[in-house]
Amino acid sequence: MAMERLVKPAGATADPLEEEVAKALFDLEQNSNELKAELKVLKFASAREVEAASGKKVVVIFVPPPQLGAYHKIQTRLVRELEKKFSGKQVVLIAQRKIISREKKGRRQHKQKRPHSRSLTAVHEAILDDLVFPTEIVGKRTRYRTDGSRQLKVHLDHKDQQNAEYKVEAFEAVYRKLTGKEVVFEFPVIADLS
């Protein structure tokens, strides 16, 4: 019954972490009155565990993109409950997006024009937005170092600093693991000029 929450391609088997997440979601649906109605229809595509720099574990749950809006409505409560179930681990929800490669010059690979939402840049931007939700991104800077490497600085809304500051290290580790890009999250205080 709990494994009905997991949407996998035919023939693919679930790993132990995915079974654990499915069981946790099923338990929440059965026991939590406030989340019961919303969780009844929600499913997830896969789950992965990422280790942050301090040694903490982060559970990344990939959800189908059409259901992301429904997950966002209950995300703060759901993440809080899941973090209780996975004691000592942080939980992050991200949509399972697909990147379609760029067409090479001279040969047409795709029958249709590739939508912008499937480009590498758009998918990485969307992962960043999903990762920090419900905190809002107020600015981004790309820092080019002297050795040629790049570092993305993401400025998060200062109002959400208390709620999101303890997760910043987890955000950095997950983004680095999923995209291979270095990122630093900051909460800049913007002076009011009025």
N, C-alpha and C. Protein backbone atom coordinates (compact mmCIF):
# COMPACT_ATOMS: atom_id res chain seq x y z
N MET A 1 0.82 -1.20 0.00
CA MET A 1 0.00 0.00 0.00
C MET A 1 0.87 1.26 0.00
N ALA A 2 1.93 1.26 0.82
CA ALA A 2 2.79 2.43 0.90
C ALA A 2 3.57 2.64 -0.39
N MET A 3 3.89 1.56 -1.10
CA MET A 3 4.70 1.67 -2.31
C MET A 3 3.92 2.27 -3.48
N GLU A 4 2.61 2.45 -3.34
CA GLU A 4 1.82 3.11 -4.38
C GLU A 4 2.20 4.58 -4.51
N ARG A 5 2.85 5.14 -3.50
CA ARG A 5 3.30 6.54 -3.53
C ARG A 5 4.44 6.74 -4.52
N LEU A 6 5.19 5.68 -4.80
CA LEU A 6 6.38 5.76 -5.64
C LEU A 6 6.03 5.52 -7.10
N VAL A 7 6.40 6.47 -7.98
CA VAL A 7 6.17 6.35 -9.41
C VAL A 7 7.51 6.05 -10.07
N LYS A 8 7.67 4.83 -10.54
CA LYS A 8 8.93 4.42 -11.18
C LYS A 8 8.63 3.86 -12.55
N PRO A 9 9.61 3.90 -13.48
CA PRO A 9 9.41 3.26 -14.78
C PRO A 9 9.18 1.76 -14.61
N ALA A 10 8.50 1.15 -15.57
CA ALA A 10 8.20 -0.28 -15.49
C ALA A 10 9.50 -1.07 -15.40
N GLY A 11 9.55 -2.01 -14.49
CA GLY A 11 10.71 -2.87 -14.35
C GLY A 11 11.75 -2.36 -13.36
N ALA A 12 11.67 -1.10 -12.96
CA ALA A 12 12.63 -0.54 -12.01
C ALA A 12 12.21 -0.89 -10.59
N THR A 13 13.19 -1.20 -9.76
CA THR A 13 12.89 -1.56 -8.37
C THR A 13 13.27 -0.40 -7.46
N ALA A 14 12.61 -0.34 -6.33
CA ALA A 14 12.85 0.73 -5.36
C ALA A 14 14.02 0.36 -4.46
N ASP A 15 14.84 1.34 -4.13
CA ASP A 15 15.92 1.09 -3.18
C ASP A 15 15.39 1.29 -1.75
N PRO A 16 16.16 0.91 -0.73
CA PRO A 16 15.66 0.99 0.65
C PRO A 16 15.24 2.41 1.08
N LEU A 17 15.96 3.43 0.63
CA LEU A 17 15.60 4.80 1.01
C LEU A 17 14.24 5.18 0.44
N GLU A 18 13.98 4.80 -0.82
CA GLU A 18 12.69 5.10 -1.44
C GLU A 18 11.55 4.38 -0.72
N GLU A 19 11.81 3.15 -0.29
CA GLU A 19 10.80 2.41 0.48
C GLU A 19 10.52 3.11 1.81
N GLU A 20 11.59 3.61 2.43
CA GLU A 20 11.46 4.31 3.71
C GLU A 20 10.65 5.60 3.55
N VAL A 21 10.91 6.34 2.46
CA VAL A 21 10.17 7.58 2.19
C VAL A 21 8.70 7.27 1.91
N ALA A 22 8.45 6.23 1.12
CA ALA A 22 7.07 5.83 0.81
C ALA A 22 6.32 5.46 2.08
N LYS A 23 6.99 4.72 2.96
CA LYS A 23 6.36 4.32 4.23
C LYS A 23 6.09 5.55 5.10
N ALA A 24 7.03 6.49 5.14
CA ALA A 24 6.85 7.71 5.94
C ALA A 24 5.68 8.54 5.42
N LEU A 25 5.56 8.68 4.10
CA LEU A 25 4.43 9.43 3.52
C LEU A 25 3.11 8.73 3.81
N PHE A 26 3.11 7.41 3.71
CA PHE A 26 1.89 6.64 4.00
C PHE A 26 1.50 6.80 5.47
N ASP A 27 2.48 6.72 6.38
CA ASP A 27 2.21 6.90 7.81
C ASP A 27 1.65 8.30 8.10
N LEU A 28 2.22 9.30 7.44
CA LEU A 28 1.72 10.67 7.63
C LEU A 28 0.28 10.80 7.14
N GLU A 29 -0.01 10.15 6.02
CA GLU A 29 -1.38 10.21 5.50
C GLU A 29 -2.36 9.55 6.48
N GLN A 30 -1.95 8.45 7.08
CA GLN A 30 -2.82 7.73 8.01
C GLN A 30 -3.00 8.46 9.34
N ASN A 31 -1.92 9.09 9.84
CA ASN A 31 -1.93 9.63 11.20
C ASN A 31 -2.17 11.13 11.31
N SER A 32 -1.84 11.89 10.27
CA SER A 32 -1.95 13.34 10.35
C SER A 32 -3.26 13.81 9.73
N ASN A 33 -4.11 14.41 10.54
CA ASN A 33 -5.40 14.89 10.05
C ASN A 33 -5.26 16.08 9.11
N GLU A 34 -4.29 16.96 9.40
CA GLU A 34 -4.15 18.17 8.58
C GLU A 34 -3.53 17.89 7.21
N LEU A 35 -2.74 16.82 7.08
CA LEU A 35 -2.10 16.51 5.79
C LEU A 35 -2.79 15.39 5.03
N LYS A 36 -3.76 14.74 5.65
CA LYS A 36 -4.37 13.54 5.07
C LYS A 36 -4.95 13.76 3.67
N ALA A 37 -5.76 14.79 3.51
CA ALA A 37 -6.43 15.02 2.22
C ALA A 37 -5.43 15.35 1.12
N GLU A 38 -4.42 16.16 1.44
CA GLU A 38 -3.45 16.55 0.42
C GLU A 38 -2.54 15.39 0.02
N LEU A 39 -2.12 14.60 1.01
CA LEU A 39 -1.18 13.51 0.73
C LEU A 39 -1.81 12.34 -0.01
N LYS A 40 -3.12 12.26 0.02
CA LYS A 40 -3.81 11.12 -0.61
C LYS A 40 -3.49 10.99 -2.09
N VAL A 41 -3.36 12.11 -2.80
CA VAL A 41 -3.14 12.07 -4.25
C VAL A 41 -1.68 12.28 -4.65
N LEU A 42 -0.82 12.65 -3.70
CA LEU A 42 0.56 12.97 -4.05
C LEU A 42 1.45 11.74 -4.15
N LYS A 43 2.36 11.78 -5.12
CA LYS A 43 3.31 10.69 -5.33
C LYS A 43 4.70 11.29 -5.45
N PHE A 44 5.73 10.43 -5.46
CA PHE A 44 7.09 10.92 -5.68
C PHE A 44 7.81 9.98 -6.64
N ALA A 45 8.81 10.53 -7.34
CA ALA A 45 9.50 9.78 -8.40
C ALA A 45 10.69 8.99 -7.88
N SER A 46 11.47 9.58 -6.98
CA SER A 46 12.62 8.88 -6.41
C SER A 46 13.12 9.64 -5.20
N ALA A 47 14.09 9.06 -4.52
CA ALA A 47 14.70 9.70 -3.36
C ALA A 47 16.19 9.38 -3.36
N ARG A 48 16.97 10.34 -2.90
CA ARG A 48 18.42 10.19 -2.84
C ARG A 48 18.93 10.78 -1.54
N GLU A 49 20.05 10.26 -1.07
CA GLU A 49 20.65 10.80 0.14
C GLU A 49 21.96 11.48 -0.24
N VAL A 50 22.14 12.70 0.24
CA VAL A 50 23.35 13.48 -0.04
C VAL A 50 23.98 13.84 1.30
N GLU A 51 25.30 13.80 1.35
CA GLU A 51 25.99 14.15 2.59
C GLU A 51 26.52 15.58 2.50
N ALA A 52 26.21 16.39 3.51
CA ALA A 52 26.69 17.77 3.56
C ALA A 52 28.12 17.77 4.10
N ALA A 53 28.78 18.93 4.04
CA ALA A 53 30.17 19.05 4.45
C ALA A 53 30.39 18.69 5.92
N SER A 54 29.43 19.00 6.77
CA SER A 54 29.57 18.72 8.20
C SER A 54 29.28 17.26 8.54
N GLY A 55 28.93 16.46 7.55
CA GLY A 55 28.62 15.05 7.80
C GLY A 55 27.14 14.77 7.94
N LYS A 56 26.32 15.82 7.99
CA LYS A 56 24.87 15.62 8.09
C LYS A 56 24.34 15.05 6.79
N LYS A 57 23.30 14.26 6.89
CA LYS A 57 22.66 13.67 5.71
C LYS A 57 21.44 14.50 5.31
N VAL A 58 21.24 14.57 4.00
CA VAL A 58 20.08 15.29 3.46
C VAL A 58 19.33 14.33 2.56
N VAL A 59 18.04 14.16 2.79
CA VAL A 59 17.20 13.31 1.94
C VAL A 59 16.55 14.21 0.88
N VAL A 60 16.86 13.92 -0.39
CA VAL A 60 16.30 14.68 -1.50
C VAL A 60 15.19 13.84 -2.10
N ILE A 61 13.96 14.36 -2.07
CA ILE A 61 12.81 13.65 -2.62
C ILE A 61 12.44 14.32 -3.94
N PHE A 62 12.48 13.54 -5.02
CA PHE A 62 12.13 14.05 -6.35
C PHE A 62 10.66 13.77 -6.61
N VAL A 63 9.93 14.82 -6.98
CA VAL A 63 8.48 14.69 -7.20
C VAL A 63 8.17 14.95 -8.67
N PRO A 64 7.07 14.41 -9.19
CA PRO A 64 6.69 14.70 -10.58
C PRO A 64 6.38 16.20 -10.73
N PRO A 65 6.88 16.84 -11.79
CA PRO A 65 6.67 18.29 -11.96
C PRO A 65 5.21 18.75 -11.91
N PRO A 66 4.25 17.99 -12.46
CA PRO A 66 2.86 18.47 -12.36
C PRO A 66 2.34 18.55 -10.91
N GLN A 67 2.93 17.78 -10.01
CA GLN A 67 2.46 17.77 -8.62
C GLN A 67 3.23 18.73 -7.72
N LEU A 68 4.22 19.42 -8.28
CA LEU A 68 5.06 20.30 -7.46
C LEU A 68 4.24 21.40 -6.78
N GLY A 69 3.26 21.97 -7.47
CA GLY A 69 2.42 23.01 -6.88
C GLY A 69 1.65 22.51 -5.66
N ALA A 70 1.14 21.29 -5.75
CA ALA A 70 0.42 20.70 -4.62
C ALA A 70 1.37 20.45 -3.44
N TYR A 71 2.59 20.03 -3.75
CA TYR A 71 3.58 19.84 -2.70
C TYR A 71 3.94 21.17 -2.05
N HIS A 72 4.04 22.24 -2.86
CA HIS A 72 4.40 23.55 -2.31
C HIS A 72 3.37 24.05 -1.30
N LYS A 73 2.09 23.70 -1.51
CA LYS A 73 1.04 24.15 -0.59
C LYS A 73 1.24 23.61 0.82
N ILE A 74 1.79 22.40 0.93
CA ILE A 74 1.95 21.77 2.24
C ILE A 74 3.42 21.56 2.61
N GLN A 75 4.33 22.16 1.86
CA GLN A 75 5.75 21.82 2.01
C GLN A 75 6.31 22.07 3.41
N THR A 76 6.01 23.21 4.02
CA THR A 76 6.60 23.50 5.33
C THR A 76 6.16 22.48 6.37
N ARG A 77 4.87 22.14 6.38
CA ARG A 77 4.38 21.15 7.35
C ARG A 77 4.92 19.76 7.02
N LEU A 78 4.93 19.41 5.73
CA LEU A 78 5.38 18.09 5.30
C LEU A 78 6.85 17.88 5.62
N VAL A 79 7.68 18.86 5.30
CA VAL A 79 9.12 18.75 5.57
C VAL A 79 9.37 18.63 7.07
N ARG A 80 8.66 19.41 7.86
CA ARG A 80 8.82 19.33 9.32
C ARG A 80 8.50 17.93 9.83
N GLU A 81 7.40 17.35 9.35
CA GLU A 81 7.01 16.00 9.78
C GLU A 81 8.00 14.94 9.29
N LEU A 82 8.46 15.08 8.04
CA LEU A 82 9.42 14.10 7.50
C LEU A 82 10.76 14.18 8.22
N GLU A 83 11.18 15.38 8.62
CA GLU A 83 12.43 15.52 9.35
C GLU A 83 12.33 14.89 10.73
N LYS A 84 11.13 14.87 11.31
CA LYS A 84 10.93 14.15 12.57
C LYS A 84 11.08 12.65 12.35
N LYS A 85 10.52 12.15 11.24
CA LYS A 85 10.59 10.71 10.94
C LYS A 85 12.02 10.28 10.63
N PHE A 86 12.74 11.08 9.83
CA PHE A 86 14.14 10.79 9.52
C PHE A 86 15.00 11.59 10.49
N SER A 87 15.08 11.13 11.73
CA SER A 87 15.75 11.92 12.77
C SER A 87 17.20 12.19 12.39
N GLY A 88 17.59 13.45 12.53
CA GLY A 88 18.97 13.85 12.23
C GLY A 88 19.23 14.13 10.76
N LYS A 89 18.22 13.99 9.91
CA LYS A 89 18.39 14.25 8.48
C LYS A 89 17.49 15.40 8.07
N GLN A 90 17.96 16.20 7.12
CA GLN A 90 17.13 17.26 6.58
C GLN A 90 16.47 16.75 5.31
N VAL A 91 15.31 17.31 4.98
CA VAL A 91 14.53 16.85 3.83
C VAL A 91 14.33 18.02 2.86
N VAL A 92 14.53 17.73 1.56
CA VAL A 92 14.37 18.73 0.51
C VAL A 92 13.50 18.12 -0.58
N LEU A 93 12.55 18.90 -1.12
CA LEU A 93 11.69 18.46 -2.23
C LEU A 93 12.08 19.18 -3.51
N ILE A 94 12.31 18.40 -4.57
CA ILE A 94 12.71 18.96 -5.87
C ILE A 94 11.93 18.24 -6.95
N ALA A 95 11.52 18.98 -7.99
CA ALA A 95 10.81 18.36 -9.12
C ALA A 95 11.80 17.55 -9.96
N GLN A 96 11.34 16.41 -10.46
CA GLN A 96 12.16 15.54 -11.31
C GLN A 96 12.10 16.09 -12.73
N ARG A 97 13.10 16.86 -13.10
CA ARG A 97 13.11 17.50 -14.42
C ARG A 97 14.07 16.78 -15.35
N LYS A 98 13.83 16.96 -16.66
CA LYS A 98 14.64 16.30 -17.67
C LYS A 98 15.37 17.35 -18.51
N ILE A 99 16.65 17.10 -18.76
CA ILE A 99 17.44 17.99 -19.62
C ILE A 99 17.55 17.34 -20.99
N ILE A 100 17.19 18.09 -22.02
CA ILE A 100 17.36 17.61 -23.39
C ILE A 100 18.58 18.31 -23.96
N SER A 101 19.48 17.54 -24.54
CA SER A 101 20.73 18.11 -25.04
C SER A 101 20.49 19.05 -26.21
N ARG A 102 21.45 19.90 -26.42
CA ARG A 102 21.38 20.89 -27.49
C ARG A 102 21.61 20.21 -28.84
N GLU A 103 20.95 20.71 -29.86
CA GLU A 103 21.16 20.15 -31.20
C GLU A 103 22.51 20.58 -31.73
N LYS A 104 23.20 19.65 -32.35
CA LYS A 104 24.49 19.95 -32.97
C LYS A 104 24.25 20.58 -34.33
N LYS A 105 25.17 21.41 -34.73
CA LYS A 105 25.05 22.09 -36.02
C LYS A 105 25.17 21.08 -37.16
N GLY A 106 24.27 21.17 -38.11
CA GLY A 106 24.34 20.31 -39.29
C GLY A 106 23.51 19.05 -39.21
N ARG A 107 23.14 18.64 -38.01
CA ARG A 107 22.28 17.45 -37.92
C ARG A 107 21.17 17.70 -36.91
N ARG A 108 20.00 17.30 -37.29
CA ARG A 108 18.82 17.52 -36.46
C ARG A 108 18.55 16.25 -35.66
N GLN A 109 18.63 16.36 -34.35
CA GLN A 109 18.40 15.20 -33.49
C GLN A 109 16.94 15.05 -33.08
N HIS A 110 16.30 16.17 -32.84
CA HIS A 110 14.96 16.14 -32.28
C HIS A 110 13.91 16.42 -33.35
N LYS A 111 12.75 15.81 -33.17
CA LYS A 111 11.65 16.04 -34.11
C LYS A 111 11.03 17.41 -33.89
N GLN A 112 11.12 17.89 -32.65
CA GLN A 112 10.56 19.19 -32.31
C GLN A 112 11.67 20.09 -31.77
N LYS A 113 11.38 21.37 -31.76
CA LYS A 113 12.32 22.30 -31.17
C LYS A 113 12.34 22.07 -29.66
N ARG A 114 13.52 22.07 -29.08
CA ARG A 114 13.66 21.84 -27.65
C ARG A 114 13.06 23.01 -26.87
N PRO A 115 12.14 22.75 -25.94
CA PRO A 115 11.59 23.85 -25.13
C PRO A 115 12.65 24.40 -24.18
N HIS A 116 12.57 25.67 -23.87
CA HIS A 116 13.56 26.29 -22.99
C HIS A 116 13.56 25.63 -21.60
N SER A 117 12.40 25.16 -21.17
CA SER A 117 12.30 24.54 -19.84
C SER A 117 13.10 23.24 -19.73
N ARG A 118 13.53 22.68 -20.86
CA ARG A 118 14.32 21.44 -20.85
C ARG A 118 15.81 21.71 -21.07
N SER A 119 16.19 22.98 -21.17
CA SER A 119 17.62 23.29 -21.36
C SER A 119 18.35 23.15 -20.03
N LEU A 120 19.65 22.96 -20.09
CA LEU A 120 20.47 22.78 -18.90
C LEU A 120 20.35 23.99 -17.97
N THR A 121 20.43 25.18 -18.52
CA THR A 121 20.36 26.39 -17.71
C THR A 121 19.02 26.51 -17.00
N ALA A 122 17.93 26.27 -17.72
CA ALA A 122 16.59 26.40 -17.13
C ALA A 122 16.38 25.35 -16.04
N VAL A 123 16.86 24.14 -16.25
CA VAL A 123 16.69 23.08 -15.25
C VAL A 123 17.49 23.41 -14.00
N HIS A 124 18.72 23.90 -14.16
CA HIS A 124 19.53 24.26 -13.00
C HIS A 124 18.92 25.42 -12.22
N GLU A 125 18.35 26.39 -12.92
CA GLU A 125 17.66 27.51 -12.27
C GLU A 125 16.43 27.01 -11.49
N ALA A 126 15.69 26.09 -12.11
CA ALA A 126 14.49 25.55 -11.47
C ALA A 126 14.85 24.72 -10.23
N ILE A 127 15.96 23.98 -10.31
CA ILE A 127 16.42 23.20 -9.15
C ILE A 127 16.73 24.15 -8.00
N LEU A 128 17.38 25.26 -8.32
CA LEU A 128 17.72 26.26 -7.30
C LEU A 128 16.47 26.82 -6.64
N ASP A 129 15.45 27.14 -7.45
CA ASP A 129 14.19 27.66 -6.90
C ASP A 129 13.49 26.62 -6.02
N ASP A 130 13.45 25.36 -6.49
CA ASP A 130 12.81 24.29 -5.72
C ASP A 130 13.53 24.06 -4.39
N LEU A 131 14.84 24.13 -4.45
CA LEU A 131 15.68 23.83 -3.30
C LEU A 131 15.41 24.76 -2.13
N VAL A 132 15.30 26.06 -2.40
CA VAL A 132 15.17 27.03 -1.32
C VAL A 132 13.71 27.36 -0.97
N PHE A 133 12.74 26.79 -1.70
CA PHE A 133 11.33 27.09 -1.43
C PHE A 133 11.01 26.79 0.02
N PRO A 134 10.27 27.58 0.74
CA PRO A 134 9.49 28.78 0.44
C PRO A 134 10.28 30.09 0.52
N THR A 135 11.58 30.02 0.79
CA THR A 135 12.40 31.23 0.81
C THR A 135 12.53 31.76 -0.61
N GLU A 136 12.51 33.08 -0.75
CA GLU A 136 12.58 33.69 -2.08
C GLU A 136 14.01 34.11 -2.40
N ILE A 137 14.41 33.89 -3.65
CA ILE A 137 15.72 34.33 -4.12
C ILE A 137 15.58 35.79 -4.56
N VAL A 138 16.39 36.68 -3.96
CA VAL A 138 16.29 38.11 -4.29
C VAL A 138 17.42 38.58 -5.20
N GLY A 139 18.45 37.76 -5.38
CA GLY A 139 19.54 38.16 -6.27
C GLY A 139 20.52 37.03 -6.50
N LYS A 140 21.25 37.13 -7.61
CA LYS A 140 22.29 36.13 -7.93
C LYS A 140 23.50 36.86 -8.48
N ARG A 141 24.66 36.39 -8.15
CA ARG A 141 25.91 36.92 -8.68
C ARG A 141 26.80 35.74 -9.04
N THR A 142 27.47 35.85 -10.18
CA THR A 142 28.45 34.84 -10.54
C THR A 142 29.82 35.44 -10.33
N ARG A 143 30.61 34.80 -9.50
CA ARG A 143 31.96 35.29 -9.22
C ARG A 143 32.95 34.45 -10.02
N TYR A 144 33.75 35.13 -10.83
CA TYR A 144 34.78 34.46 -11.61
C TYR A 144 36.10 34.59 -10.86
N ARG A 145 36.66 33.47 -10.45
CA ARG A 145 37.91 33.50 -9.70
C ARG A 145 39.10 33.60 -10.65
N THR A 146 40.27 33.90 -10.09
CA THR A 146 41.47 34.06 -10.92
C THR A 146 41.92 32.76 -11.55
N ASP A 147 41.57 31.63 -10.94
CA ASP A 147 41.96 30.34 -11.52
C ASP A 147 40.99 29.88 -12.62
N GLY A 148 39.99 30.70 -12.92
CA GLY A 148 39.06 30.38 -14.00
C GLY A 148 37.78 29.71 -13.54
N SER A 149 37.71 29.32 -12.28
CA SER A 149 36.49 28.66 -11.79
C SER A 149 35.43 29.71 -11.48
N ARG A 150 34.19 29.25 -11.43
CA ARG A 150 33.06 30.13 -11.15
C ARG A 150 32.41 29.74 -9.83
N GLN A 151 31.86 30.73 -9.17
CA GLN A 151 31.10 30.49 -7.95
C GLN A 151 29.83 31.32 -8.03
N LEU A 152 28.69 30.66 -7.84
CA LEU A 152 27.41 31.34 -7.88
C LEU A 152 27.05 31.77 -6.46
N LYS A 153 26.78 33.05 -6.28
CA LYS A 153 26.33 33.56 -4.99
C LYS A 153 24.84 33.83 -5.10
N VAL A 154 24.07 33.19 -4.27
CA VAL A 154 22.61 33.34 -4.29
C VAL A 154 22.20 34.11 -3.04
N HIS A 155 21.49 35.21 -3.24
CA HIS A 155 21.03 36.04 -2.14
C HIS A 155 19.58 35.67 -1.83
N LEU A 156 19.36 35.21 -0.61
CA LEU A 156 18.02 34.81 -0.18
C LEU A 156 17.38 35.94 0.62
N ASP A 157 16.06 35.92 0.67
CA ASP A 157 15.30 36.97 1.36
C ASP A 157 15.66 37.00 2.85
N HIS A 158 16.02 38.18 3.32
CA HIS A 158 16.46 38.36 4.70
C HIS A 158 15.36 38.01 5.71
N LYS A 159 14.09 38.16 5.31
CA LYS A 159 12.97 37.88 6.21
C LYS A 159 12.92 36.41 6.63
N ASP A 160 13.41 35.52 5.76
CA ASP A 160 13.35 34.09 6.04
C ASP A 160 14.63 33.54 6.65
N GLN A 161 15.51 34.41 7.12
CA GLN A 161 16.81 33.96 7.61
C GLN A 161 16.68 32.99 8.78
N GLN A 162 15.78 33.27 9.72
CA GLN A 162 15.61 32.39 10.88
C GLN A 162 15.15 31.00 10.48
N ASN A 163 14.26 30.93 9.49
CA ASN A 163 13.70 29.64 9.08
C ASN A 163 14.65 28.83 8.20
N ALA A 164 15.50 29.50 7.42
CA ALA A 164 16.29 28.79 6.41
C ALA A 164 17.79 28.74 6.69
N GLU A 165 18.28 29.49 7.66
CA GLU A 165 19.73 29.58 7.84
C GLU A 165 20.36 28.23 8.21
N TYR A 166 19.67 27.43 9.00
CA TYR A 166 20.23 26.14 9.39
C TYR A 166 20.29 25.15 8.23
N LYS A 167 19.58 25.45 7.13
CA LYS A 167 19.56 24.55 5.97
C LYS A 167 20.54 24.96 4.87
N VAL A 168 21.22 26.08 5.02
CA VAL A 168 22.07 26.61 3.94
C VAL A 168 23.13 25.61 3.52
N GLU A 169 23.76 24.97 4.49
CA GLU A 169 24.80 23.99 4.18
C GLU A 169 24.22 22.81 3.39
N ALA A 170 23.02 22.40 3.75
CA ALA A 170 22.35 21.31 3.03
C ALA A 170 22.02 21.74 1.60
N PHE A 171 21.54 22.97 1.44
CA PHE A 171 21.24 23.49 0.10
C PHE A 171 22.48 23.46 -0.79
N GLU A 172 23.61 23.91 -0.24
CA GLU A 172 24.85 23.95 -1.02
C GLU A 172 25.28 22.55 -1.44
N ALA A 173 25.20 21.59 -0.51
CA ALA A 173 25.62 20.22 -0.81
C ALA A 173 24.73 19.58 -1.87
N VAL A 174 23.42 19.77 -1.75
CA VAL A 174 22.49 19.17 -2.71
C VAL A 174 22.67 19.79 -4.10
N TYR A 175 22.80 21.11 -4.17
CA TYR A 175 22.96 21.77 -5.47
C TYR A 175 24.27 21.33 -6.13
N ARG A 176 25.34 21.22 -5.34
CA ARG A 176 26.63 20.78 -5.88
C ARG A 176 26.53 19.34 -6.39
N LYS A 177 25.83 18.49 -5.68
CA LYS A 177 25.70 17.08 -6.07
C LYS A 177 24.86 16.93 -7.34
N LEU A 178 23.78 17.70 -7.45
CA LEU A 178 22.87 17.56 -8.59
C LEU A 178 23.39 18.25 -9.86
N THR A 179 24.09 19.38 -9.71
CA THR A 179 24.49 20.15 -10.89
C THR A 179 25.99 20.20 -11.12
N GLY A 180 26.78 19.92 -10.11
CA GLY A 180 28.23 20.02 -10.24
C GLY A 180 28.74 21.45 -10.13
N LYS A 181 27.88 22.38 -9.74
CA LYS A 181 28.28 23.79 -9.65
C LYS A 181 28.45 24.21 -8.19
N GLU A 182 29.45 25.07 -7.95
CA GLU A 182 29.67 25.63 -6.62
C GLU A 182 28.66 26.75 -6.39
N VAL A 183 28.08 26.78 -5.21
CA VAL A 183 27.10 27.82 -4.88
C VAL A 183 27.26 28.21 -3.42
N VAL A 184 27.04 29.50 -3.13
CA VAL A 184 27.07 30.01 -1.77
C VAL A 184 25.77 30.77 -1.54
N PHE A 185 25.10 30.47 -0.44
CA PHE A 185 23.84 31.16 -0.11
C PHE A 185 24.12 32.21 0.95
N GLU A 186 23.57 33.41 0.74
CA GLU A 186 23.76 34.51 1.67
C GLU A 186 22.42 35.17 1.96
N PHE A 187 22.36 35.86 3.11
CA PHE A 187 21.18 36.62 3.48
C PHE A 187 21.59 38.09 3.62
N PRO A 188 21.72 38.82 2.51
CA PRO A 188 22.17 40.21 2.61
C PRO A 188 21.08 41.11 3.19
N VAL A 189 21.51 42.07 3.99
CA VAL A 189 20.58 43.05 4.53
C VAL A 189 20.57 44.22 3.57
N ILE A 190 19.42 44.50 3.00
CA ILE A 190 19.29 45.58 2.03
C ILE A 190 18.79 46.82 2.77
N ALA A 191 19.55 47.89 2.69
CA ALA A 191 19.18 49.13 3.38
C ALA A 191 17.94 49.73 2.74
N ASP A 192 17.04 50.21 3.56
CA ASP A 192 15.82 50.84 3.07
C ASP A 192 16.12 52.31 2.78
N LEU A 193 15.96 52.73 1.54
CA LEU A 193 16.30 54.09 1.13
C LEU A 193 15.14 55.07 1.23
N SER A 194 14.03 54.66 1.81
CA SER A 194 12.87 55.56 1.87
C SER A 194 12.91 56.49 3.04
